[in-house]
């Protein structure tokens, strides 16, 4: 008999090792904020992952590939995401959103932010 998969919780003790990084220099718009990603789950195919993300204030350009999309929920802080046409959406504690596949624009952290994220990126089919 196979073991049933375990439920994944977003408890600090369940998080994987934190990954620290900064936006690539070519993408930076303002500042050089440190970003910290704490993974909680990645599926066996590497297509679906989720966790917690924190970041210092700053802004950088983002460009999602045609098969990558993200759902997020802001826990603390404030962010603003602006598309290439200049349409801006602000998010604070309790707000959530989806960055769709193919999205391009600017991601700005206005106040130090902490958010949960769910990322899905379909791998190339063979």
PDB file of N, CA and C in Angstrom:
ATOM      1  N   UNK A   1       0.840  -1.182   0.000  1.00  0.00           N
ATOM      2  CA  UNK A   1       0.000   0.000   0.000  1.00  0.00           C
ATOM      3  C   UNK A   1       0.889   1.251   0.000  1.00  0.00           C
ATOM      4  N   UNK A   2       0.584   2.202  -0.890  1.00  0.00           N
ATOM      5  CA  UNK A   2       1.364   3.440  -0.975  1.00  0.00           C
ATOM      6  C   UNK A   2       0.984   4.393   0.146  1.00  0.00           C
ATOM      7  N   UNK A   3       1.964   5.172   0.570  1.00  0.00           N
ATOM      8  CA  UNK A   3       1.677   6.216   1.549  1.00  0.00           C
ATOM      9  C   UNK A   3       0.970   7.372   0.853  1.00  0.00           C
ATOM     10  N   UNK A   4      -0.029   7.904   1.506  1.00  0.00           N
ATOM     11  CA  UNK A   4      -0.744   9.058   0.967  1.00  0.00           C
ATOM     12  C   UNK A   4       0.140  10.288   1.106  1.00  0.00           C
ATOM     13  N   UNK A   5       0.046  11.230   0.161  1.00  0.00           N
ATOM     14  CA  UNK A   5       0.830  12.470   0.282  1.00  0.00           C
ATOM     15  C   UNK A   5       0.462  13.221   1.558  1.00  0.00           C
ATOM     16  N   UNK A   6       1.426  13.914   2.109  1.00  0.00           N
ATOM     17  CA  UNK A   6       1.202  14.707   3.319  1.00  0.00           C
ATOM     18  C   UNK A   6       0.684  16.088   2.951  1.00  0.00           C
ATOM     19  N   UNK A   7      -0.147  16.631   3.797  1.00  0.00           N
ATOM     20  CA  UNK A   7      -0.647  17.988   3.637  1.00  0.00           C
ATOM     21  C   UNK A   7       0.510  18.963   3.821  1.00  0.00           C
ATOM     22  N   UNK A   8       0.547  20.005   3.005  1.00  0.00           N
ATOM     23  CA  UNK A   8       1.581  21.029   3.098  1.00  0.00           C
ATOM     24  C   UNK A   8       0.993  22.227   3.841  1.00  0.00           C
ATOM     25  N   UNK A   9       1.681  22.692   4.866  1.00  0.00           N
ATOM     26  CA  UNK A   9       1.239  23.873   5.595  1.00  0.00           C
ATOM     27  C   UNK A   9       2.296  24.963   5.452  1.00  0.00           C
ATOM     28  N   UNK A  10       1.877  26.203   5.562  1.00  0.00           N
ATOM     29  CA  UNK A  10       2.793  27.331   5.475  1.00  0.00           C
ATOM     30  C   UNK A  10       3.261  27.703   6.875  1.00  0.00           C
ATOM     31  N   UNK A  11       3.816  26.746   7.586  1.00  0.00           N
ATOM     32  CA  UNK A  11       4.355  26.971   8.925  1.00  0.00           C
ATOM     33  C   UNK A  11       5.863  27.185   8.795  1.00  0.00           C
ATOM     34  N   UNK A  12       6.431  28.149   9.526  1.00  0.00           N
ATOM     35  CA  UNK A  12       7.869  28.421   9.395  1.00  0.00           C
ATOM     36  C   UNK A  12       8.743  27.175   9.496  1.00  0.00           C
ATOM     37  N   UNK A  13       8.380  26.250  10.367  1.00  0.00           N
ATOM     38  CA  UNK A  13       9.183  25.042  10.531  1.00  0.00           C
ATOM     39  C   UNK A  13       9.128  24.135   9.288  1.00  0.00           C
ATOM     40  N   UNK A  14       8.142  24.334   8.417  1.00  0.00           N
ATOM     41  CA  UNK A  14       7.985  23.511   7.219  1.00  0.00           C
ATOM     42  C   UNK A  14       8.716  24.088   6.004  1.00  0.00           C
ATOM     43  N   UNK A  15       9.164  25.340   6.094  1.00  0.00           N
ATOM     44  CA  UNK A  15       9.780  26.012   4.951  1.00  0.00           C
ATOM     45  C   UNK A  15      11.125  25.390   4.602  1.00  0.00           C
ATOM     46  N   UNK A  16      11.425  25.418   3.304  1.00  0.00           N
ATOM     47  CA  UNK A  16      12.737  24.992   2.842  1.00  0.00           C
ATOM     48  C   UNK A  16      13.757  26.083   3.134  1.00  0.00           C
ATOM     49  N   UNK A  17      14.982  25.853   2.702  1.00  0.00           N
ATOM     50  CA  UNK A  17      16.052  26.809   2.922  1.00  0.00           C
ATOM     51  C   UNK A  17      15.784  28.104   2.164  1.00  0.00           C
ATOM     52  N   UNK A  18      15.976  29.231   2.830  1.00  0.00           N
ATOM     53  CA  UNK A  18      15.734  30.538   2.223  1.00  0.00           C
ATOM     54  C   UNK A  18      16.740  30.796   1.106  1.00  0.00           C
ATOM     55  N   UNK A  19      16.235  31.409   0.013  1.00  0.00           N
ATOM     56  CA  UNK A  19      17.069  31.799  -1.117  1.00  0.00           C
ATOM     57  C   UNK A  19      17.094  33.325  -1.149  1.00  0.00           C
ATOM     58  N   UNK A  20      18.285  33.905  -1.100  1.00  0.00           N
ATOM     59  CA  UNK A  20      18.472  35.355  -1.102  1.00  0.00           C
ATOM     60  C   UNK A  20      18.941  35.776  -2.492  1.00  0.00           C
ATOM     61  N   UNK A  21      18.342  36.850  -3.030  1.00  0.00           N
ATOM     62  CA  UNK A  21      18.805  37.375  -4.311  1.00  0.00           C
ATOM     63  C   UNK A  21      18.433  38.844  -4.449  1.00  0.00           C
ATOM     64  N   UNK A  22      18.791  39.417  -5.589  1.00  0.00           N
ATOM     65  CA  UNK A  22      18.493  40.803  -5.945  1.00  0.00           C
ATOM     66  C   UNK A  22      18.044  40.799  -7.404  1.00  0.00           C
ATOM     67  N   UNK A  23      17.270  41.801  -7.832  1.00  0.00           N
ATOM     68  CA  UNK A  23      16.917  41.874  -9.256  1.00  0.00           C
ATOM     69  C   UNK A  23      18.193  42.018 -10.096  1.00  0.00           C
ATOM     70  N   UNK A  24      18.165  41.431 -11.284  1.00  0.00           N
ATOM     71  CA  UNK A  24      19.301  41.577 -12.193  1.00  0.00           C
ATOM     72  C   UNK A  24      19.525  43.058 -12.475  1.00  0.00           C
ATOM     73  N   UNK A  25      20.768  43.459 -12.568  1.00  0.00           N
ATOM     74  CA  UNK A  25      21.094  44.876 -12.763  1.00  0.00           C
ATOM     75  C   UNK A  25      20.386  45.466 -13.978  1.00  0.00           C
ATOM     76  N   UNK A  26      20.299  44.711 -15.060  1.00  0.00           N
ATOM     77  CA  UNK A  26      19.670  45.213 -16.288  1.00  0.00           C
ATOM     78  C   UNK A  26      18.176  45.465 -16.112  1.00  0.00           C
ATOM     79  N   UNK A  27      17.544  44.860 -15.098  1.00  0.00           N
ATOM     80  CA  UNK A  27      16.104  45.018 -14.871  1.00  0.00           C
ATOM     81  C   UNK A  27      15.773  46.076 -13.824  1.00  0.00           C
ATOM     82  N   UNK A  28      16.747  46.525 -13.073  1.00  0.00           N
ATOM     83  CA  UNK A  28      16.494  47.465 -11.967  1.00  0.00           C
ATOM     84  C   UNK A  28      16.004  48.812 -12.473  1.00  0.00           C
ATOM     85  N   UNK A  29      14.964  49.301 -11.803  1.00  0.00           N
ATOM     86  CA  UNK A  29      14.414  50.628 -12.078  1.00  0.00           C
ATOM     87  C   UNK A  29      14.786  51.575 -10.938  1.00  0.00           C
ATOM     88  N   UNK A  30      14.681  51.069  -9.708  1.00  0.00           N
ATOM     89  CA  UNK A  30      15.004  51.870  -8.524  1.00  0.00           C
ATOM     90  C   UNK A  30      15.522  50.953  -7.427  1.00  0.00           C
ATOM     91  N   UNK A  31      16.692  51.285  -6.887  1.00  0.00           N
ATOM     92  CA  UNK A  31      17.260  50.521  -5.785  1.00  0.00           C
ATOM     93  C   UNK A  31      17.821  49.172  -6.225  1.00  0.00           C
ATOM     94  N   UNK A  32      18.248  48.401  -5.224  1.00  0.00           N
ATOM     95  CA  UNK A  32      18.757  47.047  -5.422  1.00  0.00           C
ATOM     96  C   UNK A  32      18.262  46.198  -4.253  1.00  0.00           C
ATOM     97  N   UNK A  33      16.934  46.009  -4.169  1.00  0.00           N
ATOM     98  CA  UNK A  33      16.363  45.370  -2.981  1.00  0.00           C
ATOM     99  C   UNK A  33      16.748  43.899  -2.841  1.00  0.00           C
ATOM    100  N   UNK A  34      16.944  43.509  -1.592  1.00  0.00           N
ATOM    101  CA  UNK A  34      17.160  42.090  -1.310  1.00  0.00           C
ATOM    102  C   UNK A  34      15.809  41.392  -1.286  1.00  0.00           C
ATOM    103  N   UNK A  35      15.749  40.256  -1.980  1.00  0.00           N
ATOM    104  CA  UNK A  35      14.541  39.430  -2.004  1.00  0.00           C
ATOM    105  C   UNK A  35      14.860  38.102  -1.334  1.00  0.00           C
ATOM    106  N   UNK A  36      13.897  37.583  -0.555  1.00  0.00           N
ATOM    107  CA  UNK A  36      14.089  36.313   0.134  1.00  0.00           C
ATOM    108  C   UNK A  36      12.902  35.408  -0.189  1.00  0.00           C
ATOM    109  N   UNK A  37      13.195  34.251  -0.755  1.00  0.00           N
ATOM    110  CA  UNK A  37      12.165  33.271  -1.084  1.00  0.00           C
ATOM    111  C   UNK A  37      12.323  32.073  -0.161  1.00  0.00           C
ATOM    112  N   UNK A  38      11.227  31.708   0.505  1.00  0.00           N
ATOM    113  CA  UNK A  38      11.212  30.523   1.373  1.00  0.00           C
ATOM    114  C   UNK A  38      10.221  29.531   0.767  1.00  0.00           C
ATOM    115  N   UNK A  39      10.722  28.487   0.126  1.00  0.00           N
ATOM    116  CA  UNK A  39       9.820  27.527  -0.518  1.00  0.00           C
ATOM    117  C   UNK A  39       9.130  26.628   0.509  1.00  0.00           C
ATOM    118  N   UNK A  40       7.868  26.316   0.228  1.00  0.00           N
ATOM    119  CA  UNK A  40       7.127  25.379   1.064  1.00  0.00           C
ATOM    120  C   UNK A  40       6.807  24.093   0.313  1.00  0.00           C
ATOM    121  N   UNK A  41       6.707  24.193  -1.009  1.00  0.00           N
ATOM    122  CA  UNK A  41       6.359  22.997  -1.786  1.00  0.00           C
ATOM    123  C   UNK A  41       6.721  23.194  -3.249  1.00  0.00           C
ATOM    124  N   UNK A  42       7.266  22.158  -3.865  1.00  0.00           N
ATOM    125  CA  UNK A  42       7.469  22.089  -5.308  1.00  0.00           C
ATOM    126  C   UNK A  42       7.044  20.701  -5.746  1.00  0.00           C
ATOM    127  N   UNK A  43       6.229  20.616  -6.796  1.00  0.00           N
ATOM    128  CA  UNK A  43       5.777  19.302  -7.236  1.00  0.00           C
ATOM    129  C   UNK A  43       6.912  18.538  -7.922  1.00  0.00           C
ATOM    130  N   UNK A  44       6.686  17.252  -8.159  1.00  0.00           N
ATOM    131  CA  UNK A  44       7.709  16.374  -8.729  1.00  0.00           C
ATOM    132  C   UNK A  44       8.147  16.797 -10.126  1.00  0.00           C
ATOM    133  N   UNK A  45       7.274  17.474 -10.875  1.00  0.00           N
ATOM    134  CA  UNK A  45       7.615  17.911 -12.236  1.00  0.00           C
ATOM    135  C   UNK A  45       8.337  19.249 -12.256  1.00  0.00           C
ATOM    136  N   UNK A  46       8.325  19.959 -11.126  1.00  0.00           N
ATOM    137  CA  UNK A  46       8.936  21.277 -11.061  1.00  0.00           C
ATOM    138  C   UNK A  46       8.105  22.345 -11.754  1.00  0.00           C
ATOM    139  N   UNK A  47       6.812  22.067 -11.939  1.00  0.00           N
ATOM    140  CA  UNK A  47       5.928  23.036 -12.600  1.00  0.00           C
ATOM    141  C   UNK A  47       5.176  23.924 -11.613  1.00  0.00           C
ATOM    142  N   UNK A  48       4.952  23.423 -10.419  1.00  0.00           N
ATOM    143  CA  UNK A  48       4.110  24.093  -9.423  1.00  0.00           C
ATOM    144  C   UNK A  48       4.925  24.273  -8.152  1.00  0.00           C
ATOM    145  N   UNK A  49       5.060  25.509  -7.701  1.00  0.00           N
ATOM    146  CA  UNK A  49       5.710  25.707  -6.408  1.00  0.00           C
ATOM    147  C   UNK A  49       5.043  26.853  -5.672  1.00  0.00           C
ATOM    148  N   UNK A  50       5.200  26.836  -4.361  1.00  0.00           N
ATOM    149  CA  UNK A  50       4.578  27.859  -3.532  1.00  0.00           C
ATOM    150  C   UNK A  50       5.459  28.109  -2.321  1.00  0.00           C
ATOM    151  N   UNK A  51       5.257  29.277  -1.729  1.00  0.00           N
ATOM    152  CA  UNK A  51       6.047  29.620  -0.566  1.00  0.00           C
ATOM    153  C   UNK A  51       5.770  31.029  -0.093  1.00  0.00           C
ATOM    154  N   UNK A  52       6.746  31.572   0.603  1.00  0.00           N
ATOM    155  CA  UNK A  52       6.655  32.919   1.139  1.00  0.00           C
ATOM    156  C   UNK A  52       7.803  33.739   0.562  1.00  0.00           C
ATOM    157  N   UNK A  53       7.520  34.988   0.252  1.00  0.00           N
ATOM    158  CA  UNK A  53       8.503  35.877  -0.373  1.00  0.00           C
ATOM    159  C   UNK A  53       8.494  37.197   0.361  1.00  0.00           C
ATOM    160  N   UNK A  54       9.674  37.707   0.693  1.00  0.00           N
ATOM    161  CA  UNK A  54       9.804  39.023   1.303  1.00  0.00           C
ATOM    162  C   UNK A  54      10.767  39.853   0.464  1.00  0.00           C
ATOM    163  N   UNK A  55      10.611  41.177   0.552  1.00  0.00           N
ATOM    164  CA  UNK A  55      11.468  42.054  -0.241  1.00  0.00           C
ATOM    165  C   UNK A  55      11.499  43.448   0.359  1.00  0.00           C
ATOM    166  N   UNK A  56      12.658  44.092   0.208  1.00  0.00           N
ATOM    167  CA  UNK A  56      12.859  45.484   0.603  1.00  0.00           C
ATOM    168  C   UNK A  56      12.308  46.399  -0.494  1.00  0.00           C
ATOM    169  N   UNK A  57      12.099  47.682  -0.198  1.00  0.00           N
ATOM    170  CA  UNK A  57      11.624  48.617  -1.225  1.00  0.00           C
ATOM    171  C   UNK A  57      12.584  48.724  -2.417  1.00  0.00           C
ATOM    172  N   UNK A  58      11.989  48.881  -3.575  1.00  0.00           N
ATOM    173  CA  UNK A  58      12.718  49.011  -4.829  1.00  0.00           C
ATOM    174  C   UNK A  58      11.787  48.686  -5.978  1.00  0.00           C
ATOM    175  N   UNK A  59      12.291  48.780  -7.207  1.00  0.00           N
ATOM    176  CA  UNK A  59      11.464  48.495  -8.379  1.00  0.00           C
ATOM    177  C   UNK A  59      12.332  47.887  -9.476  1.00  0.00           C
ATOM    178  N   UNK A  60      11.732  46.974 -10.251  1.00  0.00           N
ATOM    179  CA  UNK A  60      12.434  46.338 -11.354  1.00  0.00           C
ATOM    180  C   UNK A  60      11.421  45.872 -12.402  1.00  0.00           C
ATOM    181  N   UNK A  61      11.906  45.707 -13.630  1.00  0.00           N
ATOM    182  CA  UNK A  61      11.066  45.228 -14.726  1.00  0.00           C
ATOM    183  C   UNK A  61      10.895  43.720 -14.609  1.00  0.00           C
ATOM    184  N   UNK A  62       9.678  43.259 -14.903  1.00  0.00           N
ATOM    185  CA  UNK A  62       9.402  41.823 -14.927  1.00  0.00           C
ATOM    186  C   UNK A  62       8.870  41.448 -16.305  1.00  0.00           C
ATOM    187  N   UNK A  63       9.120  40.214 -16.693  1.00  0.00           N
ATOM    188  CA  UNK A  63       8.618  39.683 -17.965  1.00  0.00           C
ATOM    189  C   UNK A  63       8.369  38.194 -17.759  1.00  0.00           C
ATOM    190  N   UNK A  64       7.096  37.816 -17.632  1.00  0.00           N
ATOM    191  CA  UNK A  64       6.735  36.416 -17.447  1.00  0.00           C
ATOM    192  C   UNK A  64       6.706  35.724 -18.804  1.00  0.00           C
ATOM    193  N   UNK A  65       7.225  34.515 -18.857  1.00  0.00           N
ATOM    194  CA  UNK A  65       7.203  33.733 -20.078  1.00  0.00           C
ATOM    195  C   UNK A  65       5.785  33.306 -20.426  1.00  0.00           C
ATOM    196  N   UNK A  66       5.599  32.714 -21.606  1.00  0.00           N
ATOM    197  CA  UNK A  66       4.260  32.344 -22.063  1.00  0.00           C
ATOM    198  C   UNK A  66       3.611  31.200 -21.288  1.00  0.00           C
ATOM    199  N   UNK A  67       4.385  30.516 -20.445  1.00  0.00           N
ATOM    200  CA  UNK A  67       3.838  29.387 -19.682  1.00  0.00           C
ATOM    201  C   UNK A  67       3.970  29.573 -18.171  1.00  0.00           C
ATOM    202  N   UNK A  68       4.301  30.792 -17.743  1.00  0.00           N
ATOM    203  CA  UNK A  68       4.528  31.058 -16.318  1.00  0.00           C
ATOM    204  C   UNK A  68       3.475  32.033 -15.804  1.00  0.00           C
ATOM    205  N   UNK A  69       2.881  31.715 -14.664  1.00  0.00           N
ATOM    206  CA  UNK A  69       1.892  32.592 -14.037  1.00  0.00           C
ATOM    207  C   UNK A  69       1.976  32.443 -12.525  1.00  0.00           C
ATOM    208  N   UNK A  70       1.541  33.501 -11.828  1.00  0.00           N
ATOM    209  CA  UNK A  70       1.656  33.511 -10.374  1.00  0.00           C
ATOM    210  C   UNK A  70       0.400  34.071  -9.727  1.00  0.00           C
ATOM    211  N   UNK A  71      -0.049  33.383  -8.680  1.00  0.00           N
ATOM    212  CA  UNK A  71      -1.055  33.912  -7.763  1.00  0.00           C
ATOM    213  C   UNK A  71      -0.294  34.337  -6.517  1.00  0.00           C
ATOM    214  N   UNK A  72      -0.655  35.500  -5.948  1.00  0.00           N
ATOM    215  CA  UNK A  72      -0.008  35.951  -4.713  1.00  0.00           C
ATOM    216  C   UNK A  72      -1.033  36.590  -3.793  1.00  0.00           C
ATOM    217  N   UNK A  73      -0.689  36.594  -2.500  1.00  0.00           N
ATOM    218  CA  UNK A  73      -1.507  37.232  -1.477  1.00  0.00           C
ATOM    219  C   UNK A  73      -0.572  38.000  -0.545  1.00  0.00           C
ATOM    220  N   UNK A  74      -0.780  39.312  -0.445  1.00  0.00           N
ATOM    221  CA  UNK A  74       0.075  40.162   0.385  1.00  0.00           C
ATOM    222  C   UNK A  74      -0.335  40.009   1.850  1.00  0.00           C
ATOM    223  N   UNK A  75       0.650  39.766   2.697  1.00  0.00           N
ATOM    224  CA  UNK A  75       0.416  39.618   4.130  1.00  0.00           C
ATOM    225  C   UNK A  75       0.778  40.918   4.854  1.00  0.00           C
ATOM    226  N   UNK A  76       1.927  41.482   4.481  1.00  0.00           N
ATOM    227  CA  UNK A  76       2.400  42.741   5.076  1.00  0.00           C
ATOM    228  C   UNK A  76       3.014  43.595   3.972  1.00  0.00           C
ATOM    229  N   UNK A  77       2.970  44.909   4.150  1.00  0.00           N
ATOM    230  CA  UNK A  77       3.635  45.814   3.230  1.00  0.00           C
ATOM    231  C   UNK A  77       2.766  46.225   2.056  1.00  0.00           C
ATOM    232  N   UNK A  78       3.406  46.883   1.077  1.00  0.00           N
ATOM    233  CA  UNK A  78       2.671  47.398  -0.083  1.00  0.00           C
ATOM    234  C   UNK A  78       3.516  47.240  -1.331  1.00  0.00           C
ATOM    235  N   UNK A  79       2.830  46.832  -2.425  1.00  0.00           N
ATOM    236  CA  UNK A  79       3.470  46.721  -3.732  1.00  0.00           C
ATOM    237  C   UNK A  79       2.585  47.390  -4.771  1.00  0.00           C
ATOM    238  N   UNK A  80       3.176  47.680  -5.921  1.00  0.00           N
ATOM    239  CA  UNK A  80       2.432  48.205  -7.065  1.00  0.00           C
ATOM    240  C   UNK A  80       3.003  47.522  -8.311  1.00  0.00           C
ATOM    241  N   UNK A  81       2.124  47.004  -9.139  1.00  0.00           N
ATOM    242  CA  UNK A  81       2.534  46.363 -10.381  1.00  0.00           C
ATOM    243  C   UNK A  81       1.936  47.172 -11.526  1.00  0.00           C
ATOM    244  N   UNK A  82       2.794  47.597 -12.449  1.00  0.00           N
ATOM    245  CA  UNK A  82       2.380  48.442 -13.565  1.00  0.00           C
ATOM    246  C   UNK A  82       2.678  47.729 -14.875  1.00  0.00           C
ATOM    247  N   UNK A  83       1.672  47.670 -15.766  1.00  0.00           N
ATOM    248  CA  UNK A  83       1.889  47.013 -17.055  1.00  0.00           C
ATOM    249  C   UNK A  83       2.566  47.971 -18.034  1.00  0.00           C
ATOM    250  N   UNK A  84       2.872  47.495 -19.223  1.00  0.00           N
ATOM    251  CA  UNK A  84       3.591  48.302 -20.210  1.00  0.00           C
ATOM    252  C   UNK A  84       2.797  49.511 -20.693  1.00  0.00           C
ATOM    253  N   UNK A  85       1.466  49.482 -20.544  1.00  0.00           N
ATOM    254  CA  UNK A  85       0.624  50.614 -20.945  1.00  0.00           C
ATOM    255  C   UNK A  85       0.491  51.650 -19.836  1.00  0.00           C
ATOM    256  N   UNK A  86       1.089  51.389 -18.683  1.00  0.00           N
ATOM    257  CA  UNK A  86       1.032  52.337 -17.572  1.00  0.00           C
ATOM    258  C   UNK A  86      -0.108  52.112 -16.604  1.00  0.00           C
ATOM    259  N   UNK A  87      -0.867  51.030 -16.760  1.00  0.00           N
ATOM    260  CA  UNK A  87      -1.950  50.703 -15.831  1.00  0.00           C
ATOM    261  C   UNK A  87      -1.355  50.109 -14.560  1.00  0.00           C
ATOM    262  N   UNK A  88      -1.582  50.765 -13.425  1.00  0.00           N
ATOM    263  CA  UNK A  88      -0.997  50.345 -12.154  1.00  0.00           C
ATOM    264  C   UNK A  88      -2.054  49.737 -11.244  1.00  0.00           C
ATOM    265  N   UNK A  89      -1.651  48.686 -10.537  1.00  0.00           N
ATOM    266  CA  UNK A  89      -2.500  48.053  -9.524  1.00  0.00           C
ATOM    267  C   UNK A  89      -1.712  47.985  -8.225  1.00  0.00           C
ATOM    268  N   UNK A  90      -2.287  48.538  -7.150  1.00  0.00           N
ATOM    269  CA  UNK A  90      -1.636  48.542  -5.840  1.00  0.00           C
ATOM    270  C   UNK A  90      -2.220  47.433  -4.975  1.00  0.00           C
ATOM    271  N   UNK A  91      -1.358  46.837  -4.134  1.00  0.00           N
ATOM    272  CA  UNK A  91      -1.768  45.742  -3.252  1.00  0.00           C
ATOM    273  C   UNK A  91      -1.187  45.974  -1.875  1.00  0.00           C
ATOM    274  N   UNK A  92      -2.014  45.717  -0.848  1.00  0.00           N
ATOM    275  CA  UNK A  92      -1.587  45.813   0.542  1.00  0.00           C
ATOM    276  C   UNK A  92      -2.059  44.590   1.295  1.00  0.00           C
ATOM    277  N   UNK A  93      -1.924  44.591   2.616  1.00  0.00           N
ATOM    278  CA  UNK A  93      -2.314  43.438   3.414  1.00  0.00           C
ATOM    279  C   UNK A  93      -3.751  42.987   3.116  1.00  0.00           C
ATOM    280  N   UNK A  94      -3.893  41.699   2.848  1.00  0.00           N
ATOM    281  CA  UNK A  94      -5.199  41.123   2.543  1.00  0.00           C
ATOM    282  C   UNK A  94      -5.543  41.128   1.065  1.00  0.00           C
ATOM    283  N   UNK A  95      -4.787  41.854   0.241  1.00  0.00           N
ATOM    284  CA  UNK A  95      -5.053  41.885  -1.199  1.00  0.00           C
ATOM    285  C   UNK A  95      -4.347  40.723  -1.889  1.00  0.00           C
ATOM    286  N   UNK A  96      -4.921  40.290  -2.993  1.00  0.00           N
ATOM    287  CA  UNK A  96      -4.356  39.188  -3.763  1.00  0.00           C
ATOM    288  C   UNK A  96      -4.484  39.487  -5.241  1.00  0.00           C
ATOM    289  N   UNK A  97      -3.695  38.811  -6.051  1.00  0.00           N
ATOM    290  CA  UNK A  97      -3.764  39.021  -7.490  1.00  0.00           C
ATOM    291  C   UNK A  97      -3.095  37.892  -8.245  1.00  0.00           C
ATOM    292  N   UNK A  98      -3.219  37.968  -9.560  1.00  0.00           N
ATOM    293  CA  UNK A  98      -2.587  37.002 -10.456  1.00  0.00           C
ATOM    294  C   UNK A  98      -1.769  37.770 -11.485  1.00  0.00           C
ATOM    295  N   UNK A  99      -0.523  37.357 -11.656  1.00  0.00           N
ATOM    296  CA  UNK A  99       0.310  37.868 -12.742  1.00  0.00           C
ATOM    297  C   UNK A  99       0.197  36.809 -13.836  1.00  0.00           C
ATOM    298  N   UNK A 100      -0.482  37.138 -14.948  1.00  0.00           N
ATOM    299  CA  UNK A 100      -0.742  36.124 -15.967  1.00  0.00           C
ATOM    300  C   UNK A 100       0.482  35.828 -16.841  1.00  0.00           C
ATOM    301  N   UNK A 101       0.428  34.697 -17.498  1.00  0.00           N
ATOM    302  CA  UNK A 101       1.479  34.311 -18.442  1.00  0.00           C
ATOM    303  C   UNK A 101       1.646  35.415 -19.479  1.00  0.00           C
ATOM    304  N   UNK A 102       2.884  35.730 -19.825  1.00  0.00           N
ATOM    305  CA  UNK A 102       3.176  36.738 -20.832  1.00  0.00           C
ATOM    306  C   UNK A 102       3.182  38.174 -20.330  1.00  0.00           C
ATOM    307  N   UNK A 103       2.871  38.398 -19.049  1.00  0.00           N
ATOM    308  CA  UNK A 103       2.810  39.762 -18.505  1.00  0.00           C
ATOM    309  C   UNK A 103       4.192  40.403 -18.504  1.00  0.00           C
ATOM    310  N   UNK A 104       4.232  41.703 -18.862  1.00  0.00           N
ATOM    311  CA  UNK A 104       5.451  42.497 -18.764  1.00  0.00           C
ATOM    312  C   UNK A 104       5.107  43.819 -18.104  1.00  0.00           C
ATOM    313  N   UNK A 105       6.019  44.306 -17.286  1.00  0.00           N
ATOM    314  CA  UNK A 105       5.789  45.584 -16.625  1.00  0.00           C
ATOM    315  C   UNK A 105       6.829  45.842 -15.569  1.00  0.00           C
ATOM    316  N   UNK A 106       6.434  46.622 -14.546  1.00  0.00           N
ATOM    317  CA  UNK A 106       7.330  46.979 -13.445  1.00  0.00           C
ATOM    318  C   UNK A 106       6.702  46.513 -12.133  1.00  0.00           C
ATOM    319  N   UNK A 107       7.504  45.835 -11.328  1.00  0.00           N
ATOM    320  CA  UNK A 107       7.114  45.384  -9.995  1.00  0.00           C
ATOM    321  C   UNK A 107       7.795  46.313  -9.007  1.00  0.00           C
ATOM    322  N   UNK A 108       6.998  47.022  -8.193  1.00  0.00           N
ATOM    323  CA  UNK A 108       7.547  47.970  -7.233  1.00  0.00           C
ATOM    324  C   UNK A 108       7.137  47.593  -5.815  1.00  0.00           C
ATOM    325  N   UNK A 109       8.113  47.514  -4.941  1.00  0.00           N
ATOM    326  CA  UNK A 109       7.857  47.315  -3.511  1.00  0.00           C
ATOM    327  C   UNK A 109       7.927  48.693  -2.868  1.00  0.00           C
ATOM    328  N   UNK A 110       6.784  49.156  -2.379  1.00  0.00           N
ATOM    329  CA  UNK A 110       6.671  50.500  -1.796  1.00  0.00           C
ATOM    330  C   UNK A 110       7.066  50.477  -0.320  1.00  0.00           C
ATOM    331  N   UNK A 111       6.560  49.473   0.408  1.00  0.00           N
ATOM    332  CA  UNK A 111       6.911  49.238   1.810  1.00  0.00           C
ATOM    333  C   UNK A 111       7.378  47.797   1.903  1.00  0.00           C
ATOM    334  N   UNK A 112       8.340  47.481   2.784  1.00  0.00           N
ATOM    335  CA  UNK A 112       8.801  46.097   2.893  1.00  0.00           C
ATOM    336  C   UNK A 112       7.604  45.141   2.867  1.00  0.00           C
ATOM    337  N   UNK A 113       7.689  44.138   1.998  1.00  0.00           N
ATOM    338  CA  UNK A 113       6.543  43.276   1.754  1.00  0.00           C
ATOM    339  C   UNK A 113       6.837  41.829   2.142  1.00  0.00           C
ATOM    340  N   UNK A 114       5.765  41.156   2.558  1.00  0.00           N
ATOM    341  CA  UNK A 114       5.779  39.705   2.772  1.00  0.00           C
ATOM    342  C   UNK A 114       4.527  39.177   2.106  1.00  0.00           C
ATOM    343  N   UNK A 115       4.685  38.184   1.240  1.00  0.00           N
ATOM    344  CA  UNK A 115       3.532  37.626   0.534  1.00  0.00           C
ATOM    345  C   UNK A 115       3.677  36.127   0.393  1.00  0.00           C
ATOM    346  N   UNK A 116       2.557  35.466   0.281  1.00  0.00           N
ATOM    347  CA  UNK A 116       2.541  34.059  -0.115  1.00  0.00           C
ATOM    348  C   UNK A 116       2.385  34.036  -1.621  1.00  0.00           C
ATOM    349  N   UNK A 117       3.007  33.054  -2.258  1.00  0.00           N
ATOM    350  CA  UNK A 117       2.898  32.943  -3.707  1.00  0.00           C
ATOM    351  C   UNK A 117       2.657  31.497  -4.122  1.00  0.00           C
ATOM    352  N   UNK A 118       2.003  31.371  -5.251  1.00  0.00           N
ATOM    353  CA  UNK A 118       1.822  30.080  -5.916  1.00  0.00           C
ATOM    354  C   UNK A 118       2.224  30.320  -7.371  1.00  0.00           C
ATOM    355  N   UNK A 119       3.260  29.640  -7.806  1.00  0.00           N
ATOM    356  CA  UNK A 119       3.796  29.817  -9.156  1.00  0.00           C
ATOM    357  C   UNK A 119       3.541  28.539  -9.956  1.00  0.00           C
ATOM    358  N   UNK A 120       3.033  28.733 -11.172  1.00  0.00           N
ATOM    359  CA  UNK A 120       2.840  27.591 -12.071  1.00  0.00           C
ATOM    360  C   UNK A 120       3.530  27.905 -13.387  1.00  0.00           C
ATOM    361  N   UNK A 121       4.403  26.999 -13.814  1.00  0.00           N
ATOM    362  CA  UNK A 121       5.092  27.168 -15.088  1.00  0.00           C
ATOM    363  C   UNK A 121       5.109  25.818 -15.800  1.00  0.00           C
ATOM    364  N   UNK A 122       4.293  25.738 -16.860  1.00  0.00           N
ATOM    365  CA  UNK A 122       4.210  24.488 -17.624  1.00  0.00           C
ATOM    366  C   UNK A 122       5.530  24.257 -18.335  1.00  0.00           C
ATOM    367  N   UNK A 123       6.078  23.071 -18.155  1.00  0.00           N
ATOM    368  CA  UNK A 123       7.313  22.700 -18.820  1.00  0.00           C
ATOM    369  C   UNK A 123       7.020  22.324 -20.257  1.00  0.00           C
ATOM    370  N   UNK A 124       8.006  22.440 -21.106  1.00  0.00           N
ATOM    371  CA  UNK A 124       7.843  22.097 -22.536  1.00  0.00           C
ATOM    372  C   UNK A 124       7.387  20.644 -22.672  1.00  0.00           C
ATOM    373  N   UNK A 125       6.424  20.426 -23.528  1.00  0.00           N
ATOM    374  CA  UNK A 125       5.927  19.076 -23.772  1.00  0.00           C
ATOM    375  C   UNK A 125       6.820  18.392 -24.806  1.00  0.00           C
ATOM    376  N   UNK A 126       7.174  17.133 -24.564  1.00  0.00           N
ATOM    377  CA  UNK A 126       8.021  16.434 -25.536  1.00  0.00           C
ATOM    378  C   UNK A 126       7.229  15.583 -26.476  1.00  0.00           C
TER     379      UNK A 126
END
